[in-house]
C-alpha atoms as a PDB file:
ATOM      1  CA  UNK A   1      19.900 -63.814  15.141  1.00  0.00           C
ATOM      2  CA  UNK A   2      22.215 -66.456  13.732  1.00  0.00           C
ATOM      3  CA  UNK A   3      21.113 -69.103  11.639  1.00  0.00           C
ATOM      4  CA  UNK A   4      20.941 -71.797  14.423  1.00  0.00           C
ATOM      5  CA  UNK A   5      18.955 -69.543  16.646  1.00  0.00           C
ATOM      6  CA  UNK A   6      16.379 -69.115  13.775  1.00  0.00           C
ATOM      7  CA  UNK A   7      16.469 -72.775  13.442  1.00  0.00           C
ATOM      8  CA  UNK A   8      15.547 -73.377  17.110  1.00  0.00           C
ATOM      9  CA  UNK A   9      13.024 -70.759  17.001  1.00  0.00           C
ATOM     10  CA  UNK A  10      11.028 -72.020  14.006  1.00  0.00           C
ATOM     11  CA  UNK A  11      11.388 -75.739  15.462  1.00  0.00           C
ATOM     12  CA  UNK A  12       9.863 -74.658  18.869  1.00  0.00           C
ATOM     13  CA  UNK A  13       6.898 -72.952  16.900  1.00  0.00           C
ATOM     14  CA  UNK A  14       6.213 -76.101  15.023  1.00  0.00           C
ATOM     15  CA  UNK A  15       6.757 -78.112  17.744  1.00  0.00           C
ATOM     16  CA  UNK A  16       3.867 -75.645  19.574  1.00  0.00           C
ATOM     17  CA  UNK A  17       1.592 -76.312  16.430  1.00  0.00           C
ATOM     18  CA  UNK A  18       1.876 -80.102  16.838  1.00  0.00           C
ATOM     19  CA  UNK A  19       1.615 -80.061  20.627  1.00  0.00           C
ATOM     20  CA  UNK A  20      -1.569 -78.069  20.257  1.00  0.00           C
ATOM     21  CA  UNK A  21      -3.140 -80.362  17.639  1.00  0.00           C
ATOM     22  CA  UNK A  22      -2.317 -83.469  19.920  1.00  0.00           C
ATOM     23  CA  UNK A  23      -4.157 -81.368  22.706  1.00  0.00           C
ATOM     24  CA  UNK A  24      -7.045 -80.853  20.332  1.00  0.00           C
ATOM     25  CA  UNK A  25      -7.404 -84.516  19.202  1.00  0.00           C
ATOM     26  CA  UNK A  26      -5.931 -86.444  21.915  1.00  0.00           C
ATOM     27  CA  UNK A  27      -7.422 -89.878  20.824  1.00  0.00           C
ATOM     28  CA  UNK A  28      -4.679 -89.632  17.799  1.00  0.00           C
ATOM     29  CA  UNK A  29      -1.880 -89.646  19.939  1.00  0.00           C
ATOM     30  CA  UNK A  30      -3.168 -91.346  23.224  1.00  0.00           C
ATOM     31  CA  UNK A  31      -4.173 -94.339  20.734  1.00  0.00           C
ATOM     32  CA  UNK A  32      -0.654 -95.474  20.759  1.00  0.00           C
ATOM     33  CA  UNK A  33      -1.176 -96.330  24.332  1.00  0.00           C
ATOM     34  CA  UNK A  34      -4.240 -98.748  23.659  1.00  0.00           C
ATOM     35  CA  UNK A  35      -2.375-101.536  21.878  1.00  0.00           C
ATOM     36  CA  UNK A  36       0.432-102.040  24.460  1.00  0.00           C
ATOM     37  CA  UNK A  37      -1.945-101.733  27.288  1.00  0.00           C
ATOM     38  CA  UNK A  38      -4.254-104.679  25.700  1.00  0.00           C
ATOM     39  CA  UNK A  39      -1.308-106.803  24.976  1.00  0.00           C
ATOM     40  CA  UNK A  40      -0.523-106.389  28.676  1.00  0.00           C
ATOM     41  CA  UNK A  41      -3.610-107.463  30.088  1.00  0.00           C
ATOM     42  CA  UNK A  42      -4.137-110.239  27.515  1.00  0.00           C
ATOM     43  CA  UNK A  43      -0.534-111.762  28.191  1.00  0.00           C
ATOM     44  CA  UNK A  44      -0.629-111.269  31.720  1.00  0.00           C
ATOM     45  CA  UNK A  45      -4.074-112.876  32.348  1.00  0.00           C
ATOM     46  CA  UNK A  46      -4.493-115.189  29.427  1.00  0.00           C
ATOM     47  CA  UNK A  47      -0.868-116.566  29.444  1.00  0.00           C
ATOM     48  CA  UNK A  48       0.794-115.420  32.610  1.00  0.00           C
ATOM     49  CA  UNK A  49       0.480-118.311  34.461  1.00  0.00           C
ATOM     50  CA  UNK A  50       1.646-120.860  32.142  1.00  0.00           C
ATOM     51  CA  UNK A  51       4.581-118.627  30.563  1.00  0.00           C
ATOM     52  CA  UNK A  52       5.581-117.507  34.126  1.00  0.00           C
ATOM     53  CA  UNK A  53       5.545-121.293  35.469  1.00  0.00           C
ATOM     54  CA  UNK A  54       7.942-122.119  32.293  1.00  0.00           C
ATOM     55  CA  UNK A  55      10.186-119.548  33.302  1.00  0.00           C
ATOM     56  CA  UNK A  56      10.087-120.637  37.132  1.00  0.00           C
ATOM     57  CA  UNK A  57       7.818-118.186  38.544  1.00  0.00           C
ATOM     58  CA  UNK A  58       4.087-117.482  38.309  1.00  0.00           C
ATOM     59  CA  UNK A  59       2.184-114.593  36.761  1.00  0.00           C
ATOM     60  CA  UNK A  60       3.546-112.048  38.839  1.00  0.00           C
ATOM     61  CA  UNK A  61       7.110-113.124  37.685  1.00  0.00           C
ATOM     62  CA  UNK A  62       5.764-112.936  33.913  1.00  0.00           C
ATOM     63  CA  UNK A  63       4.568-109.246  34.723  1.00  0.00           C
ATOM     64  CA  UNK A  64       8.089-108.418  35.798  1.00  0.00           C
ATOM     65  CA  UNK A  65       9.320-109.752  32.739  1.00  0.00           C
ATOM     66  CA  UNK A  66       6.823-108.647  30.371  1.00  0.00           C
ATOM     67  CA  UNK A  67       6.268-105.048  31.256  1.00  0.00           C
ATOM     68  CA  UNK A  68       9.649-103.750  29.711  1.00  0.00           C
ATOM     69  CA  UNK A  69       8.881-105.268  26.546  1.00  0.00           C
ATOM     70  CA  UNK A  70       5.343-103.864  26.341  1.00  0.00           C
ATOM     71  CA  UNK A  71       6.796-100.418  27.082  1.00  0.00           C
ATOM     72  CA  UNK A  72       9.198-100.892  24.226  1.00  0.00           C
ATOM     73  CA  UNK A  73       6.427-101.834  22.025  1.00  0.00           C
ATOM     74  CA  UNK A  74       4.543 -98.882  22.887  1.00  0.00           C
ATOM     75  CA  UNK A  75       7.252 -96.786  22.050  1.00  0.00           C
ATOM     76  CA  UNK A  76       7.520 -98.326  18.586  1.00  0.00           C
ATOM     77  CA  UNK A  77       3.740 -97.996  18.139  1.00  0.00           C
ATOM     78  CA  UNK A  78       4.123 -94.382  18.800  1.00  0.00           C
ATOM     79  CA  UNK A  79       5.592 -93.890  15.401  1.00  0.00           C
ATOM     80  CA  UNK A  80       2.741 -94.487  13.555  1.00  0.00           C
ATOM     81  CA  UNK A  81       1.299 -91.136  14.522  1.00  0.00           C
ATOM     82  CA  UNK A  82       3.984 -89.352  12.942  1.00  0.00           C
ATOM     83  CA  UNK A  83       3.798 -91.009   9.658  1.00  0.00           C
ATOM     84  CA  UNK A  84       0.276 -90.111   9.788  1.00  0.00           C
ATOM     85  CA  UNK A  85       0.563 -86.526  10.529  1.00  0.00           C
ATOM     86  CA  UNK A  86       3.354 -85.797   8.296  1.00  0.00           C
ATOM     87  CA  UNK A  87       1.444 -87.413   5.342  1.00  0.00           C
ATOM     88  CA  UNK A  88      -1.729 -85.428   6.226  1.00  0.00           C
ATOM     89  CA  UNK A  89       0.413 -82.150   6.151  1.00  0.00           C
ATOM     90  CA  UNK A  90       1.736 -83.080   2.733  1.00  0.00           C
ATOM     91  CA  UNK A  91      -1.329 -84.100   1.251  1.00  0.00           C
ATOM     92  CA  UNK A  92      -3.604 -81.523   2.546  1.00  0.00           C
ATOM     93  CA  UNK A  93      -1.490 -78.885   1.173  1.00  0.00           C
ATOM     94  CA  UNK A  94      -0.252 -76.821   4.050  1.00  0.00           C
ATOM     95  CA  UNK A  95       3.045 -77.692   3.346  1.00  0.00           C
ATOM     96  CA  UNK A  96       2.969 -75.418   0.254  1.00  0.00           C
ATOM     97  CA  UNK A  97       2.277 -72.545   2.611  1.00  0.00           C
ATOM     98  CA  UNK A  98       5.055 -73.331   5.033  1.00  0.00           C
ATOM     99  CA  UNK A  99       7.482 -73.613   1.883  1.00  0.00           C
ATOM    100  CA  UNK A 100       6.411 -69.989   1.170  1.00  0.00           C
ATOM    101  CA  UNK A 101       7.019 -68.613   4.716  1.00  0.00           C
ATOM    102  CA  UNK A 102      10.307 -67.308   5.742  1.00  0.00           C
ATOM    103  CA  UNK A 103      11.172 -70.479   8.242  1.00  0.00           C
ATOM    104  CA  UNK A 104      13.960 -72.900   8.205  1.00  0.00           C
ATOM    105  CA  UNK A 105      12.987 -76.053   6.021  1.00  0.00           C
ATOM    106  CA  UNK A 106      14.356 -78.483   8.726  1.00  0.00           C
ATOM    107  CA  UNK A 107      11.925 -77.169  11.182  1.00  0.00           C
ATOM    108  CA  UNK A 108       8.808 -78.733   9.930  1.00  0.00           C
ATOM    109  CA  UNK A 109      10.020 -82.253  10.382  1.00  0.00           C
ATOM    110  CA  UNK A 110      11.739 -81.481  13.812  1.00  0.00           C
ATOM    111  CA  UNK A 111       8.669 -80.226  15.218  1.00  0.00           C
ATOM    112  CA  UNK A 112       6.629 -83.204  13.729  1.00  0.00           C
ATOM    113  CA  UNK A 113       9.294 -85.515  15.465  1.00  0.00           C
ATOM    114  CA  UNK A 114       9.763 -83.712  18.533  1.00  0.00           C
ATOM    115  CA  UNK A 115       6.101 -83.394  19.020  1.00  0.00           C
ATOM    116  CA  UNK A 116       5.800 -87.265  18.632  1.00  0.00           C
ATOM    117  CA  UNK A 117       8.557 -87.703  21.272  1.00  0.00           C
ATOM    118  CA  UNK A 118       6.591 -86.134  23.707  1.00  0.00           C
ATOM    119  CA  UNK A 119       3.294 -87.799  23.024  1.00  0.00           C
ATOM    120  CA  UNK A 120       5.137 -91.129  22.951  1.00  0.00           C
ATOM    121  CA  UNK A 121       6.555 -90.498  26.540  1.00  0.00           C
ATOM    122  CA  UNK A 122       3.151 -89.483  27.776  1.00  0.00           C
ATOM    123  CA  UNK A 123       2.050 -92.687  26.407  1.00  0.00           C
ATOM    124  CA  UNK A 124       4.838 -94.878  28.135  1.00  0.00           C
ATOM    125  CA  UNK A 125       3.811 -93.221  31.259  1.00  0.00           C
ATOM    126  CA  UNK A 126       0.341 -94.454  30.837  1.00  0.00           C
ATOM    127  CA  UNK A 127       1.793 -97.985  30.097  1.00  0.00           C
ATOM    128  CA  UNK A 128       3.613 -97.815  33.493  1.00  0.00           C
ATOM    129  CA  UNK A 129       0.730 -96.698  35.225  1.00  0.00           C
ATOM    130  CA  UNK A 130      -1.138 -99.732  34.326  1.00  0.00           C
ATOM    131  CA  UNK A 131       1.644-102.196  34.874  1.00  0.00           C
ATOM    132  CA  UNK A 132       1.837-100.844  38.542  1.00  0.00           C
ATOM    133  CA  UNK A 133      -1.865-100.930  38.925  1.00  0.00           C
ATOM    134  CA  UNK A 134      -1.564-104.728  37.707  1.00  0.00           C
ATOM    135  CA  UNK A 135       1.158-105.173  40.473  1.00  0.00           C
ATOM    136  CA  UNK A 136       4.353-104.815  38.513  1.00  0.00           C
ATOM    137  CA  UNK A 137       7.023-103.655  41.284  1.00  0.00           C
ATOM    138  CA  UNK A 138      10.481-102.070  40.214  1.00  0.00           C
ATOM    139  CA  UNK A 139      13.595-102.463  41.922  1.00  0.00           C
ATOM    140  CA  UNK A 140      15.176 -99.381  39.974  1.00  0.00           C
ATOM    141  CA  UNK A 141      16.794 -96.802  41.788  1.00  0.00           C
ATOM    142  CA  UNK A 142      15.802 -93.188  40.834  1.00  0.00           C
ATOM    143  CA  UNK A 143      18.793 -92.853  38.818  1.00  0.00           C
ATOM    144  CA  UNK A 144      17.897 -95.985  37.071  1.00  0.00           C
ATOM    145  CA  UNK A 145      14.624 -94.806  36.340  1.00  0.00           C
ATOM    146  CA  UNK A 146      16.254 -91.404  34.999  1.00  0.00           C
ATOM    147  CA  UNK A 147      18.235 -93.873  32.566  1.00  0.00           C
ATOM    148  CA  UNK A 148      15.317 -95.594  31.681  1.00  0.00           C
ATOM    149  CA  UNK A 149      13.345 -92.472  30.754  1.00  0.00           C
ATOM    150  CA  UNK A 150      16.310 -91.537  28.586  1.00  0.00           C
ATOM    151  CA  UNK A 151      16.667 -94.699  26.904  1.00  0.00           C
ATOM    152  CA  UNK A 152      13.079 -94.705  25.984  1.00  0.00           C
ATOM    153  CA  UNK A 153      13.587 -91.089  24.524  1.00  0.00           C
ATOM    154  CA  UNK A 154      16.320 -92.233  22.518  1.00  0.00           C
ATOM    155  CA  UNK A 155      14.271 -94.845  21.201  1.00  0.00           C
ATOM    156  CA  UNK A 156      11.449 -92.812  20.504  1.00  0.00           C
ATOM    157  CA  UNK A 157      13.519 -90.159  18.766  1.00  0.00           C
ATOM    158  CA  UNK A 158      15.116 -92.687  16.508  1.00  0.00           C
ATOM    159  CA  UNK A 159      12.182 -94.678  15.430  1.00  0.00           C
ATOM    160  CA  UNK A 160      10.254 -91.385  14.986  1.00  0.00           C
ATOM    161  CA  UNK A 161      12.794 -89.967  12.354  1.00  0.00           C
ATOM    162  CA  UNK A 162      12.426 -93.269  10.358  1.00  0.00           C
ATOM    163  CA  UNK A 163       8.732 -93.041  10.502  1.00  0.00           C
ATOM    164  CA  UNK A 164       8.909 -89.430   9.117  1.00  0.00           C
ATOM    165  CA  UNK A 165      10.276 -90.812   6.110  1.00  0.00           C
ATOM    166  CA  UNK A 166       7.375 -93.343   5.784  1.00  0.00           C
ATOM    167  CA  UNK A 167       5.123 -90.489   6.090  1.00  0.00           C
ATOM    168  CA  UNK A 168       7.134 -88.553   3.292  1.00  0.00           C
ATOM    169  CA  UNK A 169       6.876 -91.419   0.689  1.00  0.00           C
ATOM    170  CA  UNK A 170       3.067 -92.103   1.589  1.00  0.00           C
ATOM    171  CA  UNK A 171       0.421 -90.876  -0.888  1.00  0.00           C
ATOM    172  CA  UNK A 172      -2.591 -91.543   1.505  1.00  0.00           C
ATOM    173  CA  UNK A 173      -3.071 -91.441   5.275  1.00  0.00           C
ATOM    174  CA  UNK A 174      -3.917 -95.045   5.126  1.00  0.00           C
ATOM    175  CA  UNK A 175      -0.698 -95.834   3.513  1.00  0.00           C
ATOM    176  CA  UNK A 176       1.163 -93.947   6.066  1.00  0.00           C
ATOM    177  CA  UNK A 177      -0.581 -95.686   8.675  1.00  0.00           C
ATOM    178  CA  UNK A 178       0.567 -99.034   7.397  1.00  0.00           C
ATOM    179  CA  UNK A 179       4.262 -98.738   6.600  1.00  0.00           C
ATOM    180  CA  UNK A 180       5.357 -98.459  10.046  1.00  0.00           C
ATOM    181  CA  UNK A 181       3.895-101.691  11.007  1.00  0.00           C
ATOM    182  CA  UNK A 182       7.325-103.335  10.409  1.00  0.00           C
ATOM    183  CA  UNK A 183       8.680-101.089  13.088  1.00  0.00           C
ATOM    184  CA  UNK A 184       5.830-102.170  15.495  1.00  0.00           C
ATOM    185  CA  UNK A 185       6.006-105.829  14.641  1.00  0.00           C
ATOM    186  CA  UNK A 186       9.700-106.200  15.670  1.00  0.00           C
ATOM    187  CA  UNK A 187       9.342-106.217  19.343  1.00  0.00           C
ATOM    188  CA  UNK A 188       7.251-109.273  19.112  1.00  0.00           C
ATOM    189  CA  UNK A 189      10.532-110.934  17.295  1.00  0.00           C
ATOM    190  CA  UNK A 190      12.832-110.055  20.167  1.00  0.00           C
ATOM    191  CA  UNK A 191      12.889-110.941  23.857  1.00  0.00           C
ATOM    192  CA  UNK A 192       9.719-108.731  24.510  1.00  0.00           C
ATOM    193  CA  UNK A 193       7.379-111.349  25.479  1.00  0.00           C
ATOM    194  CA  UNK A 194       9.536-114.400  25.796  1.00  0.00           C
ATOM    195  CA  UNK A 195      13.268-115.114  26.267  1.00  0.00           C
ATOM    196  CA  UNK A 196      15.221-115.376  22.940  1.00  0.00           C
ATOM    197  CA  UNK A 197      16.803-118.678  24.334  1.00  0.00           C
ATOM    198  CA  UNK A 198      13.400-120.171  24.197  1.00  0.00           C
ATOM    199  CA  UNK A 199      13.103-119.714  20.482  1.00  0.00           C
ATOM    200  CA  UNK A 200      13.761-122.005  17.324  1.00  0.00           C
ATOM    201  CA  UNK A 201      17.299-121.444  16.338  1.00  0.00           C
ATOM    202  CA  UNK A 202      16.447-119.272  13.387  1.00  0.00           C
ATOM    203  CA  UNK A 203      14.057-117.054  15.091  1.00  0.00           C
ATOM    204  CA  UNK A 204      16.593-117.009  18.148  1.00  0.00           C
ATOM    205  CA  UNK A 205      19.392-115.866  15.834  1.00  0.00           C
ATOM    206  CA  UNK A 206      17.280-113.055  14.316  1.00  0.00           C
ATOM    207  CA  UNK A 207      15.968-112.013  17.906  1.00  0.00           C
ATOM    208  CA  UNK A 208      19.539-111.890  19.032  1.00  0.00           C
ATOM    209  CA  UNK A 209      20.564-109.551  16.173  1.00  0.00           C
ATOM    210  CA  UNK A 210      17.693-107.243  15.715  1.00  0.00           C
ATOM    211  CA  UNK A 211      17.564-103.551  17.369  1.00  0.00           C
ATOM    212  CA  UNK A 212      14.791-104.102  19.897  1.00  0.00           C
ATOM    213  CA  UNK A 213      16.191-106.992  21.772  1.00  0.00           C
ATOM    214  CA  UNK A 214      18.976-105.090  23.448  1.00  0.00           C
ATOM    215  CA  UNK A 215      16.777-102.399  23.873  1.00  0.00           C
ATOM    216  CA  UNK A 216      14.398-104.407  25.945  1.00  0.00           C
ATOM    217  CA  UNK A 217      17.164-106.148  27.634  1.00  0.00           C
ATOM    218  CA  UNK A 218      18.301-102.896  28.888  1.00  0.00           C
ATOM    219  CA  UNK A 219      15.030-101.410  29.739  1.00  0.00           C
ATOM    220  CA  UNK A 220      14.366-104.662  31.786  1.00  0.00           C
ATOM    221  CA  UNK A 221      17.703-104.513  33.550  1.00  0.00           C
ATOM    222  CA  UNK A 222      17.347-100.723  34.535  1.00  0.00           C
ATOM    223  CA  UNK A 223      13.595-101.419  35.809  1.00  0.00           C
ATOM    224  CA  UNK A 224      14.568-104.366  37.694  1.00  0.00           C
ATOM    225  CA  UNK A 225      17.683-102.926  39.088  1.00  0.00           C
ATOM    226  CA  UNK A 226      20.091-105.905  37.628  1.00  0.00           C
ATOM    227  CA  UNK A 227      23.059-105.546  35.628  1.00  0.00           C
ATOM    228  CA  UNK A 228      22.646-104.525  31.974  1.00  0.00           C
ATOM    229  CA  UNK A 229      26.090-105.547  30.781  1.00  0.00           C
ATOM    230  CA  UNK A 230      26.993-104.428  27.180  1.00  0.00           C
ATOM    231  CA  UNK A 231      23.422-104.134  26.227  1.00  0.00           C
ATOM    232  CA  UNK A 232      23.105-100.277  26.936  1.00  0.00           C
ATOM    233  CA  UNK A 233      25.822 -99.362  24.273  1.00  0.00           C
ATOM    234  CA  UNK A 234      24.642-101.599  21.649  1.00  0.00           C
ATOM    235  CA  UNK A 235      20.945-100.080  22.415  1.00  0.00           C
ATOM    236  CA  UNK A 236      22.384 -96.406  21.815  1.00  0.00           C
ATOM    237  CA  UNK A 237      24.308 -97.593  18.811  1.00  0.00           C
ATOM    238  CA  UNK A 238      21.257 -98.711  17.370  1.00  0.00           C
ATOM    239  CA  UNK A 239      19.307 -95.675  18.139  1.00  0.00           C
ATOM    240  CA  UNK A 240      21.931 -93.347  16.915  1.00  0.00           C
ATOM    241  CA  UNK A 241      22.031 -95.509  13.624  1.00  0.00           C
ATOM    242  CA  UNK A 242      18.514 -95.509  13.160  1.00  0.00           C
ATOM    243  CA  UNK A 243      18.215 -91.776  14.197  1.00  0.00           C
ATOM    244  CA  UNK A 244      20.806 -90.907  11.364  1.00  0.00           C
ATOM    245  CA  UNK A 245      19.377 -93.080   8.980  1.00  0.00           C
ATOM    246  CA  UNK A 246      15.687 -91.646   9.268  1.00  0.00           C
ATOM    247  CA  UNK A 247      17.067 -87.963   9.655  1.00  0.00           C
ATOM    248  CA  UNK A 248      19.161 -88.399   6.202  1.00  0.00           C
ATOM    249  CA  UNK A 249      16.344 -90.208   4.532  1.00  0.00           C
ATOM    250  CA  UNK A 250      13.603 -87.698   5.518  1.00  0.00           C
ATOM    251  CA  UNK A 251      15.716 -84.582   4.710  1.00  0.00           C
ATOM    252  CA  UNK A 252      16.398 -85.989   1.347  1.00  0.00           C
ATOM    253  CA  UNK A 253      12.663 -86.762   0.580  1.00  0.00           C
ATOM    254  CA  UNK A 254      11.602 -83.243   2.075  1.00  0.00           C
ATOM    255  CA  UNK A 255      14.199 -81.403  -0.125  1.00  0.00           C
ATOM    256  CA  UNK A 256      13.031 -83.092  -3.273  1.00  0.00           C
ATOM    257  CA  UNK A 257       9.459 -81.573  -2.634  1.00  0.00           C
ATOM    258  CA  UNK A 258       6.237 -83.230  -2.215  1.00  0.00           C
ATOM    259  CA  UNK A 259       5.355 -86.248  -4.401  1.00  0.00           C
ATOM    260  CA  UNK A 260       1.722 -86.489  -3.736  1.00  0.00           C
END
C-alpha cells in the first residue's frame, strides 16, 4: 500500500476508536448541545418578546433570527471535547503506546478531529430539532439545507483543529477545558444574538471583523432562503485560515513530543 493509503487506513482506525469512546460515554459529546439549547430557551422565552419587538417582530421573529446563531455557538462549543480528549490521551500515557506502533503520526490527530466533527454535527441536529419544536420554520430549499450542513461541517473542522492545539499545550484536563472558551465566547460578540448594527461603535467594529459574524449571517441566509451576498466566501476563507493554522500548530506540537 502507498503512504497515503496507510495514512487513510490508520486515520480511519483512530476515528473508529474515538467514535466508540463517544458511544460509550455519550454525556461527554452530547454535553456540547446542552449550552446552546439552554441559551435558545433562555433568550426566546425570557427576552424574545422585547428583542423581537425591537427588530420589528415578536418572539417568533426573534426565534427565526436567533436559531442560526445558537447553532453556530453549539458548533464552537463542540471544540471543547476535542481539547479534553487529546489532553487526556497525552497525559494518561496511551500516546506513548501509539508512538511505538507502526501507525502514521498524523492519524492520531486526524482521528480525534474527525470524530469530534461527527459528534458536533450530531449535536447541531439536536439543536435544530429543539428549535423546530419551539416553532422555528425554515424557508430553505433542500439544496440550501445541504449548503448549511456543509458550512457547519467546515466550521466544526476548522475550530476542532485549533482546539486540538489547545489540548496539546494543556497539562491537565481542567486546563484543556478552559482554553477553548475564547472560541465559544466569540459568537456572543458577533451577530448571533442581536444585529451588529445595534451595538456600540467599538463592539460593532469588532463584530463585523471577527470570523463568526459572516459565518452566522451565511447560515442565517441559507436557513431563511434569503440572499447571503459575499458572506459565504468570507466564511469559507476564515474556515480555511483557521483550519490551516490549527493543523500546522497541532502538527508542530505533536512532533515535539509530549510536554506533560
